Protein backbone atom coordinates (compact mmCIF):
# COMPACT_ATOMS: atom_id res chain seq x y z
CA UNK A 1 0.00 0.00 0.00
CA UNK A 2 1.13 3.53 -0.71
CA UNK A 3 2.26 5.60 2.22
CA UNK A 4 1.73 9.34 2.28
CA UNK A 5 4.95 10.90 3.50
CA UNK A 6 3.82 13.49 5.96
CA UNK A 7 6.59 15.23 7.86
CA UNK A 8 9.17 15.75 5.10
CA UNK A 9 6.56 17.72 3.18
CA UNK A 10 5.29 19.75 6.14
CA UNK A 11 5.83 23.18 4.63
CA UNK A 12 4.42 22.14 1.27
CA UNK A 13 1.27 20.44 2.55
CA UNK A 14 0.46 22.44 5.65
CA UNK A 15 -2.33 24.21 3.81
CA UNK A 16 -2.34 22.48 0.42
CA UNK A 17 -5.77 22.05 -1.15
CA UNK A 18 -7.18 22.71 -4.59
CA UNK A 19 -7.36 26.44 -5.40
CA UNK A 20 -10.50 28.42 -6.01
CA UNK A 21 -10.27 31.03 -8.76
CA UNK A 22 -13.48 32.95 -8.07
CA UNK A 23 -13.36 33.42 -4.31
CA UNK A 24 -14.17 37.15 -4.49
CA UNK A 25 -17.55 36.45 -6.11
CA UNK A 26 -18.59 34.01 -3.36
CA UNK A 27 -17.79 35.92 -0.19
CA UNK A 28 -18.93 39.05 1.65
CA UNK A 29 -16.77 42.17 1.55
CA UNK A 30 -13.44 41.99 3.30
CA UNK A 31 -13.24 43.43 6.81
CA UNK A 32 -10.87 46.41 6.52
CA UNK A 33 -8.19 47.33 9.03
CA UNK A 34 -6.08 45.01 11.13
CA UNK A 35 -6.65 41.34 10.37
CA UNK A 36 -7.85 39.57 13.52
CA UNK A 37 -7.81 35.83 12.86
CA UNK A 38 -8.20 34.59 16.45
CA UNK A 39 -10.43 31.55 16.77
CA UNK A 40 -10.90 28.16 15.12
CA UNK A 41 -11.31 27.71 11.38
CA UNK A 42 -12.31 24.57 9.48
CA UNK A 43 -11.94 23.40 5.88
CA UNK A 44 -13.17 20.07 4.53
CA UNK A 45 -12.75 18.90 0.96
CA UNK A 46 -13.29 15.64 -0.90
CA UNK A 47 -10.42 13.52 -2.13
CA UNK A 48 -11.16 10.32 -4.06
CA UNK A 49 -13.52 7.37 -3.70
CA UNK A 50 -15.39 8.76 -0.67
CA UNK A 51 -12.28 9.86 1.18
CA UNK A 52 -11.91 13.43 2.39
CA UNK A 53 -9.55 15.73 4.24
CA UNK A 54 -10.40 18.01 7.15
CA UNK A 55 -8.15 20.87 8.21
CA UNK A 56 -8.59 22.82 11.44
CA UNK A 57 -6.54 25.94 12.21
CA UNK A 58 -6.50 27.53 15.66
CA UNK A 59 -5.14 31.04 16.15
CA UNK A 60 -5.06 31.72 19.89
CA UNK A 61 -4.68 34.78 22.05
CA UNK A 62 -1.08 35.80 22.51
CA UNK A 63 0.02 34.34 19.17
CA UNK A 64 -0.38 30.60 19.81
CA UNK A 65 -1.04 28.50 16.72
CA UNK A 66 -2.02 24.91 16.03
CA UNK A 67 -3.26 22.96 13.04
CA UNK A 68 -4.64 19.51 12.48
CA UNK A 69 -5.06 17.86 9.10
CA UNK A 70 -7.03 14.60 9.09
CA UNK A 71 -7.07 12.19 6.17
CA UNK A 72 -10.33 10.23 6.46
CA UNK A 73 -11.50 7.17 4.53
CA UNK A 74 -8.34 6.67 2.45
CA UNK A 75 -7.01 3.23 1.41
CA UNK A 76 -10.58 2.08 0.69
CA UNK A 77 -11.43 2.13 4.41
CA UNK A 78 -14.79 3.34 5.78
CA UNK A 79 -15.57 7.01 5.06
CA UNK A 80 -15.48 7.88 8.78
CA UNK A 81 -12.16 6.17 9.65
CA UNK A 82 -9.13 8.40 10.22
CA UNK A 83 -6.26 7.00 8.15
CA UNK A 84 -3.67 9.64 8.90
CA UNK A 85 -3.07 13.00 10.52
CA UNK A 86 -0.61 15.85 10.77
CA UNK A 87 -0.68 18.07 13.87
CA UNK A 88 1.46 21.14 14.33
CA UNK A 89 1.98 23.62 17.15
CA UNK A 90 3.79 26.91 17.23
CA UNK A 91 3.27 30.63 17.07
CA UNK A 92 1.81 33.03 14.55
CA UNK A 93 1.88 36.74 13.96
CA UNK A 94 0.27 38.99 11.42
CA UNK A 95 2.26 41.60 9.52
CA UNK A 96 -0.61 43.55 7.97
CA UNK A 97 -2.42 40.78 6.10
CA UNK A 98 0.69 38.56 5.84
CA UNK A 99 0.71 35.39 7.95
CA UNK A 100 3.98 34.56 9.67
CA UNK A 101 4.32 31.09 11.23
CA UNK A 102 6.91 29.47 13.46
CA UNK A 103 6.26 25.74 13.85
CA UNK A 104 7.83 24.27 16.99
CA UNK A 105 6.37 20.75 16.91
CA UNK A 106 4.96 18.48 14.23
CA UNK A 107 3.44 15.04 14.68
CA UNK A 108 2.24 12.76 11.93
CA UNK A 109 0.57 9.36 11.95
CA UNK A 110 -0.44 7.05 9.11
CA UNK A 111 -2.46 3.86 9.35
CA UNK A 112 -0.02 1.90 7.19
CA UNK A 113 3.24 3.71 7.94
CA UNK A 114 6.57 1.93 7.97
CA UNK A 115 8.86 3.11 10.73
CA UNK A 116 8.12 5.26 13.77
CA UNK A 117 4.40 5.88 14.06
CA UNK A 118 3.50 8.45 15.12
CA UNK A 119 6.45 10.41 13.90
CA UNK A 120 7.33 13.54 15.89
CA UNK A 121 9.70 16.28 14.86
CA UNK A 122 10.89 19.51 16.35
CA UNK A 123 11.57 21.82 13.41
CA UNK A 124 14.11 24.63 13.65
CA UNK A 125 11.90 27.38 15.10
CA UNK A 126 12.25 29.90 12.28
CA UNK A 127 9.61 32.45 11.28
CA UNK A 128 8.45 32.00 7.70
CA UNK A 129 5.85 33.79 5.65
CA UNK A 130 2.86 31.74 4.55
CA UNK A 131 0.70 33.95 2.35
CA UNK A 132 -2.03 36.39 3.26
CA UNK A 133 -5.23 36.16 5.27
CA UNK A 134 -8.50 38.06 4.99
CA UNK A 135 -11.57 37.74 7.18
CA UNK A 136 -14.82 38.03 5.23
CA UNK A 137 -17.81 37.58 7.49
CA UNK A 138 -17.46 34.08 8.96
CA UNK A 139 -14.89 33.04 6.34
CA UNK A 140 -11.09 33.10 6.47
CA UNK A 141 -9.51 33.46 3.02
CA UNK A 142 -5.92 32.17 2.82
CA UNK A 143 -3.93 32.93 -0.34
CA UNK A 144 -0.39 31.69 -0.81
CA UNK A 145 2.17 30.79 -3.45
CA UNK A 146 3.63 27.30 -3.68
CA UNK A 147 6.11 25.86 -6.14
CA UNK A 148 5.00 22.36 -7.12
CA UNK A 149 7.01 20.92 -9.99
CA UNK A 150 9.42 23.88 -9.87
CA UNK A 151 6.90 26.51 -10.98
CA UNK A 152 5.10 28.97 -8.77
CA UNK A 153 1.36 28.55 -8.43
CA UNK A 154 -1.11 30.63 -6.38
CA UNK A 155 -3.63 28.82 -4.18
CA UNK A 156 -6.66 30.17 -2.33
CA UNK A 157 -8.47 28.36 0.47
CA UNK A 158 -11.66 29.40 2.23
CA UNK A 159 -12.09 28.27 5.83
CA UNK A 160 -15.34 28.47 7.79
CA UNK A 161 -15.30 29.85 11.34
CA UNK A 162 -15.86 26.89 13.68
CA UNK A 163 -18.43 27.91 16.29
């Protein structure tokens, strides 16, 4: 069975989902001024054959940050069975609308992993820019540039505020 390699691709997959090219037409007007992203935000999107991925971002008071990405129903398993996860902890700060992250801990688990499972790493705690954020009503719009296959590509994700 194929194994999804989680931790070596942390920076590349932390927020990776299919882009949406017409986000501006689907959302309320952007809230102007300082971007306050505190709270929990959720994004769920389908994968293949009934599987899906759920991503939860938590921006806490005082700059705490955590994320959890769940892969659910992969490998032909039931649609409600978690088959892998990636959890990160660290800090965040906003520079205008730019998101700056410093990941201090990452943990990944895969149902059919070979080797240490779960796998835990302590990345070098360096601040790195990860795109821009806008709050539009109860939506968080995250836009960033990634370089799959050695060419830059812009992605946009829309998270729902988790009540």
